[in-house]
């Protein structure tokens, strides 16, 4: 029964802010990767940052779901529970092979066996909690607070920023139901905007320092100044 008020936003329909996906800057990622203590951890992180898979999805991979020749790894999608092949970087398969050679006598073999195992004996399949704890320890060493899900955002940003990669391909790889979700990764990252703006200002300063005095206008003669100002300019 209250009189109508011309409000831009409804009283019970507040505006929900759009959250920018949080990714890991390249320099920070490189430092974190350098501190990973094992081939298994390096392989895991390399797959996370190149496939964009969710943490639980990558841990669902089996030994038979790895195809190094085609550079594909098969995971179980979180929502649909469907199998999907995801392309990964060559480095990820190099680290994976080193991890497999290191653990070949310690883990059971078989196409249906889990791909990821604990390093401590007795070995058992790696869980999400254990993988999260591994990444948490690296964060403490570097002094950051990135998460495994941040690696998915990092992979998504890298894909979306590639002009040769259609956004619909990125949507399929990330497993997004709607293209609008994938479009969030077209939003510029704050650290990248700052880096590009600083580079812009530095280039402007460089051009200003290199700028020389303009050449004399056509028809200009030094002796003209002597006539105008009552002085004689020697040749």
Protein backbone atom coordinates (compact mmCIF):
# COMPACT_ATOMS: atom_id res chain seq x y z
CA UNK A 1 0.00 0.00 0.00
CA UNK A 2 3.00 2.31 -0.04
CA UNK A 3 3.05 4.99 -2.76
CA UNK A 4 5.10 4.15 -5.85
CA UNK A 5 8.69 5.35 -5.81
CA UNK A 6 10.69 5.74 -9.00
CA UNK A 7 13.66 3.54 -8.09
CA UNK A 8 16.32 2.46 -10.56
CA UNK A 9 16.70 -0.90 -8.81
CA UNK A 10 13.88 -2.79 -7.20
CA UNK A 11 13.91 -3.03 -3.41
CA UNK A 12 13.95 -6.81 -3.50
CA UNK A 13 15.85 -7.12 -6.79
CA UNK A 14 19.33 -5.76 -5.99
CA UNK A 15 21.91 -5.51 -8.73
CA UNK A 16 24.30 -8.45 -8.65
CA UNK A 17 27.85 -7.41 -9.52
CA UNK A 18 29.62 -9.30 -12.29
CA UNK A 19 32.60 -11.17 -10.89
CA UNK A 20 35.78 -11.23 -12.96
CA UNK A 21 37.36 -14.70 -13.06
CA UNK A 22 40.60 -14.70 -11.13
CA UNK A 23 43.67 -16.01 -12.93
CA UNK A 24 47.35 -16.39 -12.06
CA UNK A 25 49.78 -13.86 -13.64
CA UNK A 26 52.51 -15.43 -15.76
CA UNK A 27 55.42 -14.37 -13.55
CA UNK A 28 53.66 -15.67 -10.46
CA UNK A 29 52.79 -18.93 -12.19
CA UNK A 30 56.40 -19.44 -13.28
CA UNK A 31 57.62 -18.98 -9.72
CA UNK A 32 55.04 -21.42 -8.37
CA UNK A 33 55.83 -24.00 -11.04
CA UNK A 34 59.55 -23.79 -10.23
CA UNK A 35 58.80 -24.67 -6.60
CA UNK A 36 56.75 -27.80 -7.33
CA UNK A 37 58.59 -30.67 -5.65
CA UNK A 38 57.86 -33.65 -7.95
CA UNK A 39 57.27 -34.73 -11.55
CA UNK A 40 53.72 -35.69 -10.62
CA UNK A 41 52.93 -32.21 -9.34
CA UNK A 42 54.51 -30.58 -12.41
CA UNK A 43 52.48 -32.84 -14.69
CA UNK A 44 49.27 -32.07 -12.80
CA UNK A 45 49.74 -28.30 -12.92
CA UNK A 46 50.83 -28.40 -16.58
CA UNK A 47 47.64 -30.27 -17.47
CA UNK A 48 45.48 -27.94 -15.38
CA UNK A 49 46.85 -24.81 -17.02
CA UNK A 50 46.73 -26.17 -20.59
CA UNK A 51 43.43 -28.09 -20.63
CA UNK A 52 41.33 -25.82 -18.39
CA UNK A 53 39.87 -28.91 -16.71
CA UNK A 54 38.30 -28.64 -13.29
CA UNK A 55 40.34 -30.06 -10.42
CA UNK A 56 38.08 -33.08 -9.93
CA UNK A 57 37.83 -33.72 -13.69
CA UNK A 58 41.56 -34.09 -14.21
CA UNK A 59 41.83 -36.40 -11.21
CA UNK A 60 39.24 -38.67 -12.87
CA UNK A 61 41.64 -39.51 -15.73
CA UNK A 62 42.73 -43.13 -16.10
CA UNK A 63 45.92 -44.60 -17.50
CA UNK A 64 44.07 -45.69 -20.63
CA UNK A 65 42.69 -42.19 -21.15
CA UNK A 66 46.07 -40.69 -22.03
CA UNK A 67 47.03 -40.43 -25.70
CA UNK A 68 50.47 -38.76 -25.99
CA UNK A 69 50.60 -39.25 -29.75
CA UNK A 70 47.48 -37.12 -30.27
CA UNK A 71 48.22 -35.00 -27.16
CA UNK A 72 44.83 -35.75 -25.65
CA UNK A 73 43.70 -36.70 -22.17
CA UNK A 74 40.20 -38.03 -21.41
CA UNK A 75 38.35 -36.79 -18.32
CA UNK A 76 34.88 -37.23 -16.84
CA UNK A 77 32.93 -33.97 -17.03
CA UNK A 78 31.65 -32.74 -13.70
CA UNK A 79 28.08 -31.93 -14.71
CA UNK A 80 27.18 -34.37 -17.48
CA UNK A 81 29.46 -37.22 -16.29
CA UNK A 82 30.35 -37.74 -19.94
CA UNK A 83 33.83 -38.63 -21.18
CA UNK A 84 35.57 -35.87 -23.11
CA UNK A 85 38.98 -35.66 -24.75
CA UNK A 86 40.90 -32.48 -23.95
CA UNK A 87 43.98 -31.23 -25.83
CA UNK A 88 47.01 -30.51 -23.65
CA UNK A 89 50.43 -28.94 -24.10
CA UNK A 90 53.48 -31.04 -25.10
CA UNK A 91 55.19 -30.09 -21.82
CA UNK A 92 52.38 -31.69 -19.84
CA UNK A 93 52.99 -35.06 -21.50
CA UNK A 94 56.75 -34.76 -20.93
CA UNK A 95 56.23 -34.28 -17.19
CA UNK A 96 53.64 -37.05 -17.19
CA UNK A 97 56.08 -39.48 -18.76
CA UNK A 98 58.75 -38.61 -16.20
CA UNK A 99 56.22 -39.21 -13.42
CA UNK A 100 55.16 -42.55 -14.91
CA UNK A 101 58.76 -43.77 -15.21
CA UNK A 102 59.42 -42.75 -11.63
CA UNK A 103 56.34 -44.58 -10.29
CA UNK A 104 56.12 -47.58 -12.64
CA UNK A 105 57.20 -50.08 -9.95
CA UNK A 106 54.99 -48.57 -7.25
CA UNK A 107 51.53 -48.36 -8.79
CA UNK A 108 49.28 -50.99 -10.41
CA UNK A 109 49.14 -51.01 -14.19
CA UNK A 110 45.97 -51.18 -16.28
CA UNK A 111 43.92 -49.02 -18.62
CA UNK A 112 41.17 -48.61 -16.04
CA UNK A 113 43.56 -47.79 -13.21
CA UNK A 114 43.72 -44.17 -11.97
CA UNK A 115 46.37 -41.99 -13.57
CA UNK A 116 47.28 -40.01 -10.46
CA UNK A 117 48.59 -41.62 -7.27
CA UNK A 118 50.02 -40.44 -3.97
CA UNK A 119 53.80 -40.35 -3.63
CA UNK A 120 53.82 -41.65 -0.08
CA UNK A 121 53.67 -45.38 0.53
CA UNK A 122 51.46 -47.25 0.55
CA UNK A 123 50.39 -45.58 -2.68
CA UNK A 124 46.70 -44.90 -3.25
CA UNK A 125 44.69 -42.89 -5.79
CA UNK A 126 45.20 -39.14 -5.45
CA UNK A 127 42.17 -37.32 -4.04
CA UNK A 128 41.04 -33.74 -4.53
CA UNK A 129 41.94 -32.90 -0.93
CA UNK A 130 45.50 -34.19 -1.37
CA UNK A 131 45.98 -32.28 -4.64
CA UNK A 132 44.59 -29.13 -3.05
CA UNK A 133 46.93 -29.51 -0.08
CA UNK A 134 49.92 -29.92 -2.43
CA UNK A 135 49.07 -26.66 -4.21
CA UNK A 136 48.41 -24.94 -0.91
CA UNK A 137 51.94 -25.72 0.30
CA UNK A 138 53.41 -24.17 -2.85
CA UNK A 139 51.29 -21.05 -2.27
CA UNK A 140 52.70 -20.73 1.23
CA UNK A 141 56.25 -20.85 -0.12
CA UNK A 142 55.61 -18.21 -2.77
CA UNK A 143 53.37 -16.06 -0.59
CA UNK A 144 50.31 -16.24 -2.85
CA UNK A 145 46.76 -17.49 -2.44
CA UNK A 146 45.98 -19.05 -5.82
CA UNK A 147 43.83 -22.18 -6.00
CA UNK A 148 43.57 -25.12 -8.36
CA UNK A 149 40.47 -23.47 -9.82
CA UNK A 150 42.57 -20.37 -10.54
CA UNK A 151 44.56 -22.54 -12.96
CA UNK A 152 41.34 -23.25 -14.87
CA UNK A 153 40.69 -19.50 -15.10
CA UNK A 154 44.29 -18.98 -16.24
CA UNK A 155 43.91 -21.55 -19.01
CA UNK A 156 40.60 -20.01 -20.07
CA UNK A 157 42.10 -16.53 -20.31
CA UNK A 158 45.05 -17.79 -22.35
CA UNK A 159 42.71 -19.53 -24.78
CA UNK A 160 40.30 -16.60 -25.06
CA UNK A 161 43.14 -14.14 -25.73
CA UNK A 162 44.39 -16.16 -28.71
CA UNK A 163 42.99 -14.44 -31.84
CA UNK A 164 43.36 -17.65 -33.85
CA UNK A 165 41.17 -19.66 -31.46
CA UNK A 166 37.38 -19.26 -31.91
CA UNK A 167 35.50 -18.61 -28.70
CA UNK A 168 33.16 -21.50 -29.46
CA UNK A 169 36.19 -23.83 -29.35
CA UNK A 170 37.11 -22.44 -25.95
CA UNK A 171 33.52 -23.02 -24.80
CA UNK A 172 33.66 -26.67 -25.85
CA UNK A 173 37.01 -27.31 -24.17
CA UNK A 174 35.94 -25.65 -20.93
CA UNK A 175 32.61 -27.47 -20.91
CA UNK A 176 30.45 -24.34 -20.61
CA UNK A 177 26.76 -24.79 -21.35
CA UNK A 178 26.36 -21.15 -22.45
CA UNK A 179 28.67 -19.01 -24.56
CA UNK A 180 27.99 -16.05 -22.27
CA UNK A 181 29.95 -17.83 -19.53
CA UNK A 182 32.96 -18.17 -21.82
CA UNK A 183 32.69 -14.51 -22.81
CA UNK A 184 33.61 -13.51 -19.26
CA UNK A 185 37.19 -14.41 -20.14
CA UNK A 186 37.26 -11.65 -22.75
CA UNK A 187 37.27 -9.15 -19.88
CA UNK A 188 40.79 -7.67 -19.64
CA UNK A 189 42.77 -8.80 -16.61
CA UNK A 190 43.78 -5.99 -14.28
CA UNK A 191 47.49 -6.88 -14.28
CA UNK A 192 47.53 -7.04 -18.09
CA UNK A 193 45.82 -3.65 -18.39
CA UNK A 194 48.38 -2.12 -16.00
CA UNK A 195 51.27 -3.71 -17.89
CA UNK A 196 50.04 -2.45 -21.27
CA UNK A 197 49.35 1.05 -19.93
CA UNK A 198 52.82 1.31 -18.38
CA UNK A 199 54.33 0.16 -21.66
CA UNK A 200 52.25 2.82 -23.45
CA UNK A 201 53.50 5.58 -21.16
CA UNK A 202 57.09 4.39 -21.52
CA UNK A 203 56.80 4.46 -25.30
CA UNK A 204 55.32 7.96 -25.20
CA UNK A 205 58.24 9.16 -23.07
CA UNK A 206 60.75 7.49 -25.42
CA UNK A 207 59.23 9.17 -28.46
CA UNK A 208 59.24 12.56 -26.71
CA UNK A 209 62.92 12.21 -25.81
CA UNK A 210 63.83 11.25 -29.37
CA UNK A 211 61.84 14.04 -30.95
CA UNK A 212 64.08 16.67 -32.70
CA UNK A 213 63.39 20.32 -33.51
CA UNK A 214 61.35 20.80 -36.69
CA UNK A 215 63.19 21.69 -39.89
CA UNK A 216 63.13 25.37 -41.06
CA UNK A 217 60.14 26.32 -43.13
CA UNK A 218 60.70 26.66 -46.91
CA UNK A 219 62.10 30.09 -47.86
CA UNK A 220 63.58 30.75 -44.43
CA UNK A 221 66.94 32.59 -44.43
CA UNK A 222 69.06 33.32 -41.33
CA UNK A 223 69.73 36.88 -42.48
CA UNK A 224 66.01 37.61 -42.16
CA UNK A 225 66.41 37.64 -38.40
CA UNK A 226 69.04 40.39 -38.68
CA UNK A 227 66.69 42.60 -40.64
CA UNK A 228 63.84 42.08 -38.21
CA UNK A 229 65.82 42.51 -35.00
CA UNK A 230 68.47 44.98 -36.18
CA UNK A 231 71.30 42.49 -35.88
CA UNK A 232 73.64 41.09 -38.50
CA UNK A 233 73.87 37.34 -38.89
CA UNK A 234 77.21 36.21 -40.27
CA UNK A 235 77.25 33.48 -42.84
